[in-house]
Amino acid sequence: MRKLAESWGDQSYGAVVVAEGKVLGYGPSRVVKDNDPNAHAERVAIREAQRAQSGSRLTAAVLYSTSRPCPACEQAAAGAGILRMYFGEALHDAGVPSVR
């Protein structure tokens, strides 16, 4: 997802939401492409996953992202019911998302 975002000149961030071994949502950063400061990779992936699940909560899903999610993305993950977050090439465990 990071490479896709970079290919259209966006920020170098990417994310996916996965549940039961299946990718539910893909999230290349779309901040520059869509001229939308809220289109962080994590939130793009969460929105796509929610659409794929007909808006249901993502309680069995895990968020993987290229970097530690910002507070707004972590709050979005918590609101969606994401089970856990991992980030970076080493897949650091960022734990259960929390609302700050």
PDB file of N, CA and C in Angstrom:
ATOM      1  N   MET A   1       0.811  -1.173   0.000  1.00  0.00           N
ATOM      2  CA  MET A   1       0.000   0.000   0.000  1.00  0.00           C
ATOM      3  C   MET A   1       0.866   1.253   0.000  1.00  0.00           C
ATOM      4  N   ARG A   2       1.982   1.177   0.720  1.00  0.00           N
ATOM      5  CA  ARG A   2       2.897   2.324   0.747  1.00  0.00           C
ATOM      6  C   ARG A   2       3.402   2.619  -0.650  1.00  0.00           C
ATOM      7  N   LYS A   3       3.808   1.589  -1.380  1.00  0.00           N
ATOM      8  CA  LYS A   3       4.330   1.789  -2.740  1.00  0.00           C
ATOM      9  C   LYS A   3       3.255   2.351  -3.668  1.00  0.00           C
ATOM     10  N   LEU A   4       2.017   1.925  -3.501  1.00  0.00           N
ATOM     11  CA  LEU A   4       0.931   2.465  -4.313  1.00  0.00           C
ATOM     12  C   LEU A   4       0.754   3.954  -4.020  1.00  0.00           C
ATOM     13  N   ALA A   5       0.737   4.315  -2.741  1.00  0.00           N
ATOM     14  CA  ALA A   5       0.603   5.730  -2.372  1.00  0.00           C
ATOM     15  C   ALA A   5       1.751   6.544  -2.964  1.00  0.00           C
ATOM     16  N   GLU A   6       2.962   6.030  -2.872  1.00  0.00           N
ATOM     17  CA  GLU A   6       4.116   6.729  -3.429  1.00  0.00           C
ATOM     18  C   GLU A   6       4.014   6.855  -4.941  1.00  0.00           C
ATOM     19  N   SER A   7       3.432   5.851  -5.598  1.00  0.00           N
ATOM     20  CA  SER A   7       3.356   5.862  -7.065  1.00  0.00           C
ATOM     21  C   SER A   7       2.529   7.024  -7.592  1.00  0.00           C
ATOM     22  N   TRP A   8       1.603   7.534  -6.801  1.00  0.00           N
ATOM     23  CA  TRP A   8       0.820   8.682  -7.265  1.00  0.00           C
ATOM     24  C   TRP A   8       1.223   9.964  -6.545  1.00  0.00           C
ATOM     25  N   GLY A   9       2.406   9.924  -5.907  1.00  0.00           N
ATOM     26  CA  GLY A   9       2.959  11.121  -5.294  1.00  0.00           C
ATOM     27  C   GLY A   9       2.424  11.438  -3.917  1.00  0.00           C
ATOM     28  N   ASP A  10       1.847  10.440  -3.261  1.00  0.00           N
ATOM     29  CA  ASP A  10       1.295  10.673  -1.930  1.00  0.00           C
ATOM     30  C   ASP A  10       2.334  10.369  -0.863  1.00  0.00           C
ATOM     31  N   GLN A  11       1.941  10.532   0.373  1.00  0.00           N
ATOM     32  CA  GLN A  11       2.806  10.242   1.506  1.00  0.00           C
ATOM     33  C   GLN A  11       3.133   8.755   1.557  1.00  0.00           C
ATOM     34  N   SER A  12       4.266   8.425   2.150  1.00  0.00           N
ATOM     35  CA  SER A  12       4.764   7.044   2.185  1.00  0.00           C
ATOM     36  C   SER A  12       4.153   6.235   3.316  1.00  0.00           C
ATOM     37  N   TYR A  13       2.840   6.060   3.265  1.00  0.00           N
ATOM     38  CA  TYR A  13       2.158   5.288   4.296  1.00  0.00           C
ATOM     39  C   TYR A  13       1.184   4.315   3.649  1.00  0.00           C
ATOM     40  N   GLY A  14       1.047   3.164   4.287  1.00  0.00           N
ATOM     41  CA  GLY A  14       0.094   2.172   3.823  1.00  0.00           C
ATOM     42  C   GLY A  14      -0.419   1.366   5.001  1.00  0.00           C
ATOM     43  N   ALA A  15      -1.598   0.778   4.821  1.00  0.00           N
ATOM     44  CA  ALA A  15      -2.197  -0.022   5.888  1.00  0.00           C
ATOM     45  C   ALA A  15      -3.155  -1.042   5.286  1.00  0.00           C
ATOM     46  N   VAL A  16      -3.405  -2.098   6.027  1.00  0.00           N
ATOM     47  CA  VAL A  16      -4.428  -3.081   5.668  1.00  0.00           C
ATOM     48  C   VAL A  16      -5.145  -3.511   6.938  1.00  0.00           C
ATOM     49  N   VAL A  17      -6.394  -3.905   6.776  1.00  0.00           N
ATOM     50  CA  VAL A  17      -7.177  -4.485   7.863  1.00  0.00           C
ATOM     51  C   VAL A  17      -7.417  -5.936   7.482  1.00  0.00           C
ATOM     52  N   VAL A  18      -7.068  -6.855   8.388  1.00  0.00           N
ATOM     53  CA  VAL A  18      -7.129  -8.285   8.121  1.00  0.00           C
ATOM     54  C   VAL A  18      -7.968  -8.978   9.195  1.00  0.00           C
ATOM     55  N   ALA A  19      -8.783  -9.922   8.752  1.00  0.00           N
ATOM     56  CA  ALA A  19      -9.540 -10.772   9.688  1.00  0.00           C
ATOM     57  C   ALA A  19      -9.581 -12.175   9.127  1.00  0.00           C
ATOM     58  N   GLU A  20      -9.272 -13.136   9.973  1.00  0.00           N
ATOM     59  CA  GLU A  20      -9.295 -14.550   9.605  1.00  0.00           C
ATOM     60  C   GLU A  20      -8.495 -14.822   8.335  1.00  0.00           C
ATOM     61  N   GLY A  21      -7.335 -14.199   8.220  1.00  0.00           N
ATOM     62  CA  GLY A  21      -6.443 -14.426   7.089  1.00  0.00           C
ATOM     63  C   GLY A  21      -6.851 -13.756   5.797  1.00  0.00           C
ATOM     64  N   LYS A  22      -7.883 -12.916   5.841  1.00  0.00           N
ATOM     65  CA  LYS A  22      -8.379 -12.257   4.637  1.00  0.00           C
ATOM     66  C   LYS A  22      -8.259 -10.742   4.792  1.00  0.00           C
ATOM     67  N   VAL A  23      -7.737 -10.088   3.752  1.00  0.00           N
ATOM     68  CA  VAL A  23      -7.661  -8.628   3.768  1.00  0.00           C
ATOM     69  C   VAL A  23      -9.063  -8.079   3.511  1.00  0.00           C
ATOM     70  N   LEU A  24      -9.554  -7.292   4.466  1.00  0.00           N
ATOM     71  CA  LEU A  24     -10.876  -6.686   4.343  1.00  0.00           C
ATOM     72  C   LEU A  24     -10.802  -5.267   3.785  1.00  0.00           C
ATOM     73  N   GLY A  25      -9.677  -4.597   4.064  1.00  0.00           N
ATOM     74  CA  GLY A  25      -9.549  -3.219   3.622  1.00  0.00           C
ATOM     75  C   GLY A  25      -8.120  -2.862   3.289  1.00  0.00           C
ATOM     76  N   TYR A  26      -7.940  -2.232   2.148  1.00  0.00           N
ATOM     77  CA  TYR A  26      -6.628  -1.763   1.708  1.00  0.00           C
ATOM     78  C   TYR A  26      -6.562  -0.260   1.928  1.00  0.00           C
ATOM     79  N   GLY A  27      -5.408   0.225   2.379  1.00  0.00           N
ATOM     80  CA  GLY A  27      -5.303   1.643   2.672  1.00  0.00           C
ATOM     81  C   GLY A  27      -4.007   2.289   2.260  1.00  0.00           C
ATOM     82  N   PRO A  28      -3.901   2.685   1.003  1.00  0.00           N
ATOM     83  CA  PRO A  28      -2.786   3.556   0.662  1.00  0.00           C
ATOM     84  C   PRO A  28      -3.124   4.971   1.145  1.00  0.00           C
ATOM     85  N   SER A  29      -2.140   5.725   1.571  1.00  0.00           N
ATOM     86  CA  SER A  29      -2.406   7.112   1.940  1.00  0.00           C
ATOM     87  C   SER A  29      -3.012   7.839   0.749  1.00  0.00           C
ATOM     88  N   ARG A  30      -4.071   8.602   0.998  1.00  0.00           N
ATOM     89  CA  ARG A  30      -4.737   9.371  -0.055  1.00  0.00           C
ATOM     90  C   ARG A  30      -4.807  10.853   0.310  1.00  0.00           C
ATOM     91  N   VAL A  31      -3.974  11.278   1.250  1.00  0.00           N
ATOM     92  CA  VAL A  31      -3.998  12.666   1.723  1.00  0.00           C
ATOM     93  C   VAL A  31      -3.753  13.635   0.576  1.00  0.00           C
ATOM     94  N   VAL A  32      -2.696  13.410  -0.181  1.00  0.00           N
ATOM     95  CA  VAL A  32      -2.345  14.302  -1.291  1.00  0.00           C
ATOM     96  C   VAL A  32      -3.265  14.058  -2.481  1.00  0.00           C
ATOM     97  N   LYS A  33      -3.425  12.798  -2.838  1.00  0.00           N
ATOM     98  CA  LYS A  33      -4.226  12.452  -4.021  1.00  0.00           C
ATOM     99  C   LYS A  33      -5.645  12.993  -3.932  1.00  0.00           C
ATOM    100  N   ASP A  34      -6.272  12.859  -2.777  1.00  0.00           N
ATOM    101  CA  ASP A  34      -7.658  13.296  -2.609  1.00  0.00           C
ATOM    102  C   ASP A  34      -7.763  14.695  -1.998  1.00  0.00           C
ATOM    103  N   ASN A  35      -6.604  15.301  -1.702  1.00  0.00           N
ATOM    104  CA  ASN A  35      -6.585  16.604  -1.030  1.00  0.00           C
ATOM    105  C   ASN A  35      -7.464  16.549   0.228  1.00  0.00           C
ATOM    106  N   ASP A  36      -7.242  15.483   1.005  1.00  0.00           N
ATOM    107  CA  ASP A  36      -8.057  15.219   2.192  1.00  0.00           C
ATOM    108  C   ASP A  36      -7.128  14.903   3.369  1.00  0.00           C
ATOM    109  N   PRO A  37      -6.966  15.821   4.296  1.00  0.00           N
ATOM    110  CA  PRO A  37      -6.053  15.585   5.416  1.00  0.00           C
ATOM    111  C   PRO A  37      -6.467  14.425   6.319  1.00  0.00           C
ATOM    112  N   ASN A  38      -7.697  13.943   6.164  1.00  0.00           N
ATOM    113  CA  ASN A  38      -8.165  12.810   6.969  1.00  0.00           C
ATOM    114  C   ASN A  38      -7.993  11.469   6.277  1.00  0.00           C
ATOM    115  N   ALA A  39      -7.447  11.461   5.072  1.00  0.00           N
ATOM    116  CA  ALA A  39      -7.328  10.214   4.313  1.00  0.00           C
ATOM    117  C   ALA A  39      -6.014   9.496   4.612  1.00  0.00           C
ATOM    118  N   HIS A  40      -5.716   9.375   5.912  1.00  0.00           N
ATOM    119  CA  HIS A  40      -4.540   8.605   6.325  1.00  0.00           C
ATOM    120  C   HIS A  40      -4.757   7.146   5.933  1.00  0.00           C
ATOM    121  N   ALA A  41      -3.673   6.447   5.680  1.00  0.00           N
ATOM    122  CA  ALA A  41      -3.746   5.057   5.226  1.00  0.00           C
ATOM    123  C   ALA A  41      -4.609   4.192   6.147  1.00  0.00           C
ATOM    124  N   GLU A  42      -4.447   4.355   7.443  1.00  0.00           N
ATOM    125  CA  GLU A  42      -5.185   3.535   8.397  1.00  0.00           C
ATOM    126  C   GLU A  42      -6.698   3.774   8.291  1.00  0.00           C
ATOM    127  N   ARG A  43      -7.083   5.033   8.194  1.00  0.00           N
ATOM    128  CA  ARG A  43      -8.519   5.340   8.110  1.00  0.00           C
ATOM    129  C   ARG A  43      -9.104   4.920   6.771  1.00  0.00           C
ATOM    130  N   VAL A  44      -8.309   5.002   5.704  1.00  0.00           N
ATOM    131  CA  VAL A  44      -8.768   4.521   4.400  1.00  0.00           C
ATOM    132  C   VAL A  44      -9.022   3.022   4.476  1.00  0.00           C
ATOM    133  N   ALA A  45      -8.087   2.280   5.079  1.00  0.00           N
ATOM    134  CA  ALA A  45      -8.233   0.828   5.206  1.00  0.00           C
ATOM    135  C   ALA A  45      -9.428   0.466   6.088  1.00  0.00           C
ATOM    136  N   ILE A  46      -9.618   1.191   7.177  1.00  0.00           N
ATOM    137  CA  ILE A  46     -10.748   0.921   8.079  1.00  0.00           C
ATOM    138  C   ILE A  46     -12.070   1.166   7.363  1.00  0.00           C
ATOM    139  N   ARG A  47     -12.167   2.289   6.645  1.00  0.00           N
ATOM    140  CA  ARG A  47     -13.419   2.586   5.922  1.00  0.00           C
ATOM    141  C   ARG A  47     -13.719   1.514   4.879  1.00  0.00           C
ATOM    142  N   GLU A  48     -12.684   1.076   4.148  1.00  0.00           N
ATOM    143  CA  GLU A  48     -12.902   0.041   3.142  1.00  0.00           C
ATOM    144  C   GLU A  48     -13.328  -1.271   3.794  1.00  0.00           C
ATOM    145  N   ALA A  49     -12.704  -1.615   4.906  1.00  0.00           N
ATOM    146  CA  ALA A  49     -13.071  -2.848   5.616  1.00  0.00           C
ATOM    147  C   ALA A  49     -14.509  -2.776   6.121  1.00  0.00           C
ATOM    148  N   GLN A  50     -14.910  -1.622   6.621  1.00  0.00           N
ATOM    149  CA  GLN A  50     -16.286  -1.473   7.087  1.00  0.00           C
ATOM    150  C   GLN A  50     -17.277  -1.600   5.936  1.00  0.00           C
ATOM    151  N   ARG A  51     -16.940  -1.041   4.782  1.00  0.00           N
ATOM    152  CA  ARG A  51     -17.814  -1.202   3.604  1.00  0.00           C
ATOM    153  C   ARG A  51     -17.906  -2.672   3.215  1.00  0.00           C
ATOM    154  N   ALA A  52     -16.785  -3.378   3.266  1.00  0.00           N
ATOM    155  CA  ALA A  52     -16.768  -4.802   2.902  1.00  0.00           C
ATOM    156  C   ALA A  52     -17.615  -5.632   3.868  1.00  0.00           C
ATOM    157  N   GLN A  53     -17.720  -5.156   5.103  1.00  0.00           N
ATOM    158  CA  GLN A  53     -18.494  -5.872   6.132  1.00  0.00           C
ATOM    159  C   GLN A  53     -19.859  -5.224   6.345  1.00  0.00           C
ATOM    160  N   SER A  54     -20.304  -4.448   5.378  1.00  0.00           N
ATOM    161  CA  SER A  54     -21.607  -3.752   5.454  1.00  0.00           C
ATOM    162  C   SER A  54     -21.725  -2.884   6.695  1.00  0.00           C
ATOM    163  N   GLY A  55     -20.627  -2.198   7.011  1.00  0.00           N
ATOM    164  CA  GLY A  55     -20.653  -1.253   8.124  1.00  0.00           C
ATOM    165  C   GLY A  55     -20.542  -1.870   9.501  1.00  0.00           C
ATOM    166  N   SER A  56     -20.377  -3.177   9.559  1.00  0.00           N
ATOM    167  CA  SER A  56     -20.320  -3.818  10.872  1.00  0.00           C
ATOM    168  C   SER A  56     -19.003  -3.508  11.579  1.00  0.00           C
ATOM    169  N   ARG A  57     -19.001  -3.736  12.872  1.00  0.00           N
ATOM    170  CA  ARG A  57     -17.790  -3.515  13.660  1.00  0.00           C
ATOM    171  C   ARG A  57     -16.745  -4.553  13.274  1.00  0.00           C
ATOM    172  N   LEU A  58     -15.507  -4.176  13.407  1.00  0.00           N
ATOM    173  CA  LEU A  58     -14.388  -5.014  12.967  1.00  0.00           C
ATOM    174  C   LEU A  58     -13.726  -5.694  14.156  1.00  0.00           C
ATOM    175  N   THR A  59     -14.524  -6.326  14.998  1.00  0.00           N
ATOM    176  CA  THR A  59     -14.041  -6.861  16.270  1.00  0.00           C
ATOM    177  C   THR A  59     -13.071  -8.028  16.145  1.00  0.00           C
ATOM    178  N   ALA A  60     -13.035  -8.689  15.012  1.00  0.00           N
ATOM    179  CA  ALA A  60     -12.094  -9.797  14.821  1.00  0.00           C
ATOM    180  C   ALA A  60     -10.924  -9.376  13.936  1.00  0.00           C
ATOM    181  N   ALA A  61     -10.817  -8.087  13.645  1.00  0.00           N
ATOM    182  CA  ALA A  61      -9.829  -7.612  12.675  1.00  0.00           C
ATOM    183  C   ALA A  61      -8.587  -7.017  13.338  1.00  0.00           C
ATOM    184  N   VAL A  62      -7.496  -7.076  12.593  1.00  0.00           N
ATOM    185  CA  VAL A  62      -6.211  -6.521  13.016  1.00  0.00           C
ATOM    186  C   VAL A  62      -5.795  -5.485  11.978  1.00  0.00           C
ATOM    187  N   LEU A  63      -5.241  -4.377  12.451  1.00  0.00           N
ATOM    188  CA  LEU A  63      -4.752  -3.312  11.582  1.00  0.00           C
ATOM    189  C   LEU A  63      -3.234  -3.399  11.496  1.00  0.00           C
ATOM    190  N   TYR A  64      -2.719  -3.499  10.280  1.00  0.00           N
ATOM    191  CA  TYR A  64      -1.277  -3.476  10.029  1.00  0.00           C
ATOM    192  C   TYR A  64      -0.970  -2.192   9.279  1.00  0.00           C
ATOM    193  N   SER A  65       0.039  -1.448   9.733  1.00  0.00           N
ATOM    194  CA  SER A  65       0.382  -0.206   9.045  1.00  0.00           C
ATOM    195  C   SER A  65       1.890  -0.006   9.011  1.00  0.00           C
ATOM    196  N   THR A  66       2.312   0.861   8.100  1.00  0.00           N
ATOM    197  CA  THR A  66       3.740   1.089   7.905  1.00  0.00           C
ATOM    198  C   THR A  66       4.374   1.822   9.071  1.00  0.00           C
ATOM    199  N   SER A  67       3.599   2.602   9.809  1.00  0.00           N
ATOM    200  CA  SER A  67       4.134   3.300  10.972  1.00  0.00           C
ATOM    201  C   SER A  67       3.083   3.313  12.075  1.00  0.00           C
ATOM    202  N   ARG A  68       3.496   3.710  13.251  1.00  0.00           N
ATOM    203  CA  ARG A  68       2.558   3.775  14.379  1.00  0.00           C
ATOM    204  C   ARG A  68       1.405   4.700  14.014  1.00  0.00           C
ATOM    205  N   PRO A  69       0.167   4.249  14.139  1.00  0.00           N
ATOM    206  CA  PRO A  69      -0.975   5.107  13.818  1.00  0.00           C
ATOM    207  C   PRO A  69      -0.993   6.368  14.684  1.00  0.00           C
ATOM    208  N   CYS A  70      -1.351   7.478  14.069  1.00  0.00           N
ATOM    209  CA  CYS A  70      -1.475   8.735  14.805  1.00  0.00           C
ATOM    210  C   CYS A  70      -2.663   8.608  15.768  1.00  0.00           C
ATOM    211  N   PRO A  71      -2.806   9.522  16.718  1.00  0.00           N
ATOM    212  CA  PRO A  71      -3.922   9.433  17.666  1.00  0.00           C
ATOM    213  C   PRO A  71      -5.299   9.384  16.993  1.00  0.00           C
ATOM    214  N   ALA A  72      -5.503  10.144  15.923  1.00  0.00           N
ATOM    215  CA  ALA A  72      -6.806  10.130  15.241  1.00  0.00           C
ATOM    216  C   ALA A  72      -7.064   8.786  14.581  1.00  0.00           C
ATOM    217  N   CYS A  73      -6.026   8.170  14.012  1.00  0.00           N
ATOM    218  CA  CYS A  73      -6.190   6.848  13.391  1.00  0.00           C
ATOM    219  C   CYS A  73      -6.414   5.781  14.450  1.00  0.00           C
ATOM    220  N   GLU A  74      -5.716   5.898  15.569  1.00  0.00           N
ATOM    221  CA  GLU A  74      -5.934   4.938  16.656  1.00  0.00           C
ATOM    222  C   GLU A  74      -7.354   5.068  17.197  1.00  0.00           C
ATOM    223  N   GLN A  75      -7.852   6.284  17.305  1.00  0.00           N
ATOM    224  CA  GLN A  75      -9.217   6.493  17.764  1.00  0.00           C
ATOM    225  C   GLN A  75     -10.220   5.897  16.776  1.00  0.00           C
ATOM    226  N   ALA A  76      -9.942   6.049  15.467  1.00  0.00           N
ATOM    227  CA  ALA A  76     -10.820   5.453  14.450  1.00  0.00           C
ATOM    228  C   ALA A  76     -10.803   3.932  14.560  1.00  0.00           C
ATOM    229  N   ALA A  77      -9.619   3.358  14.812  1.00  0.00           N
ATOM    230  CA  ALA A  77      -9.505   1.909  14.972  1.00  0.00           C
ATOM    231  C   ALA A  77     -10.292   1.444  16.199  1.00  0.00           C
ATOM    232  N   ALA A  78     -10.180   2.187  17.282  1.00  0.00           N
ATOM    233  CA  ALA A  78     -10.927   1.841  18.497  1.00  0.00           C
ATOM    234  C   ALA A  78     -12.422   1.924  18.240  1.00  0.00           C
ATOM    235  N   GLY A  79     -12.849   2.960  17.563  1.00  0.00           N
ATOM    236  CA  GLY A  79     -14.264   3.128  17.267  1.00  0.00           C
ATOM    237  C   GLY A  79     -14.828   2.035  16.374  1.00  0.00           C
ATOM    238  N   ALA A  80     -13.963   1.498  15.508  1.00  0.00           N
ATOM    239  CA  ALA A  80     -14.392   0.427  14.600  1.00  0.00           C
ATOM    240  C   ALA A  80     -14.343  -0.942  15.278  1.00  0.00           C
ATOM    241  N   GLY A  81     -13.728  -0.999  16.460  1.00  0.00           N
ATOM    242  CA  GLY A  81     -13.644  -2.266  17.173  1.00  0.00           C
ATOM    243  C   GLY A  81     -12.449  -3.120  16.787  1.00  0.00           C
ATOM    244  N   ILE A  82     -11.446  -2.527  16.139  1.00  0.00           N
ATOM    245  CA  ILE A  82     -10.238  -3.269  15.748  1.00  0.00           C
ATOM    246  C   ILE A  82      -9.658  -3.962  16.982  1.00  0.00           C
ATOM    247  N   LEU A  83      -9.288  -5.217  16.807  1.00  0.00           N
ATOM    248  CA  LEU A  83      -8.793  -6.046  17.909  1.00  0.00           C
ATOM    249  C   LEU A  83      -7.385  -5.657  18.366  1.00  0.00           C
ATOM    250  N   ARG A  84      -6.495  -5.382  17.388  1.00  0.00           N
ATOM    251  CA  ARG A  84      -5.092  -5.096  17.711  1.00  0.00           C
ATOM    252  C   ARG A  84      -4.449  -4.371  16.547  1.00  0.00           C
ATOM    253  N   MET A  85      -3.341  -3.656  16.832  1.00  0.00           N
ATOM    254  CA  MET A  85      -2.607  -2.929  15.793  1.00  0.00           C
ATOM    255  C   MET A  85      -1.143  -3.350  15.795  1.00  0.00           C
ATOM    256  N   TYR A  86      -0.586  -3.480  14.594  1.00  0.00           N
ATOM    257  CA  TYR A  86       0.835  -3.767  14.417  1.00  0.00           C
ATOM    258  C   TYR A  86       1.374  -2.781  13.397  1.00  0.00           C
ATOM    259  N   PHE A  87       2.650  -2.379  13.564  1.00  0.00           N
ATOM    260  CA  PHE A  87       3.191  -1.404  12.633  1.00  0.00           C
ATOM    261  C   PHE A  87       4.670  -1.638  12.349  1.00  0.00           C
ATOM    262  N   GLY A  88       5.116  -1.101  11.214  1.00  0.00           N
ATOM    263  CA  GLY A  88       6.519  -1.163  10.820  1.00  0.00           C
ATOM    264  C   GLY A  88       6.908  -2.495  10.223  1.00  0.00           C
ATOM    265  N   GLU A  89       8.103  -2.514   9.666  1.00  0.00           N
ATOM    266  CA  GLU A  89       8.600  -3.739   9.035  1.00  0.00           C
ATOM    267  C   GLU A  89       8.752  -4.871  10.035  1.00  0.00           C
ATOM    268  N   ALA A  90       9.064  -4.530  11.287  1.00  0.00           N
ATOM    269  CA  ALA A  90       9.247  -5.553  12.316  1.00  0.00           C
ATOM    270  C   ALA A  90       7.919  -5.947  12.974  1.00  0.00           C
ATOM    271  N   LEU A  91       6.825  -5.343  12.510  1.00  0.00           N
ATOM    272  CA  LEU A  91       5.492  -5.600  13.062  1.00  0.00           C
ATOM    273  C   LEU A  91       5.461  -5.434  14.583  1.00  0.00           C
ATOM    274  N   HIS A  92       5.847  -4.238  15.027  1.00  0.00           N
ATOM    275  CA  HIS A  92       5.773  -3.908  16.448  1.00  0.00           C
ATOM    276  C   HIS A  92       4.319  -3.964  16.901  1.00  0.00           C
ATOM    277  N   ASP A  93       4.110  -4.530  18.057  1.00  0.00           N
ATOM    278  CA  ASP A  93       2.764  -4.649  18.604  1.00  0.00           C
ATOM    279  C   ASP A  93       2.372  -3.328  19.250  1.00  0.00           C
ATOM    280  N   ALA A  94       1.396  -2.655  18.686  1.00  0.00           N
ATOM    281  CA  ALA A  94       0.918  -1.386  19.242  1.00  0.00           C
ATOM    282  C   ALA A  94      -0.256  -1.612  20.183  1.00  0.00           C
ATOM    283  N   GLY A  95      -0.640  -2.860  20.355  1.00  0.00           N
ATOM    284  CA  GLY A  95      -1.681  -3.196  21.319  1.00  0.00           C
ATOM    285  C   GLY A  95      -3.092  -2.959  20.804  1.00  0.00           C
ATOM    286  N   VAL A  96      -3.994  -2.946  21.747  1.00  0.00           N
ATOM    287  CA  VAL A  96      -5.406  -2.708  21.466  1.00  0.00           C
ATOM    288  C   VAL A  96      -5.574  -1.194  21.278  1.00  0.00           C
ATOM    289  N   PRO A  97      -6.242  -0.783  20.206  1.00  0.00           N
ATOM    290  CA  PRO A  97      -6.435   0.661  20.032  1.00  0.00           C
ATOM    291  C   PRO A  97      -7.261   1.252  21.165  1.00  0.00           C
ATOM    292  N   SER A  98      -6.925   2.470  21.541  1.00  0.00           N
ATOM    293  CA  SER A  98      -7.669   3.113  22.621  1.00  0.00           C
ATOM    294  C   SER A  98      -8.142   4.491  22.186  1.00  0.00           C
ATOM    295  N   VAL A  99      -9.166   4.936  22.821  1.00  0.00           N
ATOM    296  CA  VAL A  99      -9.675   6.288  22.584  1.00  0.00           C
ATOM    297  C   VAL A  99      -8.970   7.196  23.567  1.00  0.00           C
ATOM    298  N   ARG A 100      -8.365   8.227  23.056  1.00  0.00           N
ATOM    299  CA  ARG A 100      -7.596   9.119  23.938  1.00  0.00           C
ATOM    300  C   ARG A 100      -8.382  10.341  24.270  1.00  0.00           C
TER     301      ARG A 100
END
